[in-house]
Amino acid sequence: AVQHITSSTFAISVTGIAGPSGGSESKPVGTVFVSLMKEGHPPVSTTLHAKGERSFIIERTVNFCLGELYR
């Protein structure tokens, strides 16, 4: 796992469709999958659904990840 390779306490993985194209009916633009893992805890995965332009979707995803790390 990334945590062991980097000797870090946290690991974050993000993937999804920020647009402006690439979406589908089952995964529209704005669908973002985020997984976070803290050492000694099970991973937590979340699906975000953002609407708007690509820059807003990316900003919302970054803010979500930073908020989760803060908590």
Protein backbone atom coordinates (compact mmCIF):
# COMPACT_ATOMS: atom_id res chain seq x y z
CA ALA A 1 0.00 0.00 0.00
CA VAL A 2 1.06 3.59 -0.59
CA GLN A 3 1.22 4.26 3.14
CA HIS A 4 3.86 1.61 3.67
CA ILE A 5 5.93 2.65 0.66
CA THR A 6 5.94 6.33 1.69
CA SER A 7 5.80 5.84 5.48
CA SER A 8 2.80 8.16 5.62
CA THR A 9 -0.09 8.24 8.07
CA PHE A 10 -2.73 8.98 5.43
CA ALA A 11 -3.44 7.93 1.84
CA ILE A 12 -5.95 9.49 -0.53
CA SER A 13 -7.08 8.18 -3.89
CA VAL A 14 -9.31 10.15 -6.27
CA THR A 15 -10.79 9.21 -9.64
CA GLY A 16 -13.83 10.23 -11.58
CA ILE A 17 -15.22 12.33 -14.39
CA ALA A 18 -14.62 16.07 -13.99
CA GLY A 19 -15.67 16.86 -17.56
CA PRO A 20 -16.40 18.61 -19.69
CA SER A 21 -16.87 15.30 -21.52
CA GLY A 22 -16.47 11.62 -20.74
CA GLY A 23 -19.61 11.09 -18.71
CA SER A 24 -22.20 8.41 -19.27
CA GLU A 25 -25.74 7.75 -18.07
CA SER A 26 -24.47 5.61 -15.19
CA LYS A 27 -21.50 7.90 -14.39
CA PRO A 28 -22.32 11.46 -15.41
CA VAL A 29 -19.80 14.30 -15.42
CA GLY A 30 -19.31 15.31 -11.79
CA THR A 31 -19.12 11.76 -10.42
CA VAL A 32 -15.99 11.50 -8.28
CA PHE A 33 -14.83 8.55 -6.19
CA VAL A 34 -12.66 9.28 -3.15
CA SER A 35 -10.97 6.78 -0.82
CA LEU A 36 -9.13 7.82 2.32
CA MET A 37 -7.12 5.67 4.66
CA LYS A 38 -5.64 6.51 8.04
CA GLU A 39 -3.01 4.27 9.52
CA GLY A 40 -4.64 1.70 11.80
CA HIS A 41 -8.17 2.35 10.46
CA PRO A 42 -10.18 0.77 7.65
CA PRO A 43 -10.40 2.72 4.39
CA VAL A 44 -13.39 4.98 3.82
CA SER A 45 -14.78 5.41 0.31
CA THR A 46 -17.21 8.09 -0.81
CA THR A 47 -18.87 9.03 -4.08
CA LEU A 48 -19.32 12.74 -4.72
CA HIS A 49 -21.81 14.15 -7.23
CA ALA A 50 -20.90 17.71 -8.21
CA LYS A 51 -22.56 19.86 -10.82
CA GLY A 52 -20.87 22.66 -12.67
CA GLU A 53 -17.72 23.30 -14.62
CA ARG A 54 -14.60 21.15 -14.40
CA SER A 55 -12.78 23.66 -12.16
CA PHE A 56 -15.64 23.64 -9.64
CA ILE A 57 -15.77 19.82 -9.56
CA ILE A 58 -12.01 19.67 -8.91
CA GLU A 59 -12.20 22.38 -6.24
CA ARG A 60 -15.08 20.65 -4.46
CA THR A 61 -13.18 17.36 -4.50
CA VAL A 62 -10.00 18.95 -3.08
CA ASN A 63 -12.01 20.73 -0.37
CA PHE A 64 -13.76 17.51 0.55
CA CYS A 65 -10.41 15.67 0.88
CA LEU A 66 -8.86 18.45 2.97
CA GLY A 67 -11.91 18.50 5.22
CA GLU A 68 -11.71 14.75 5.74
CA LEU A 69 -8.01 14.98 6.59
CA TYR A 70 -8.74 17.76 9.07
CA ARG A 71 -11.41 15.67 10.83
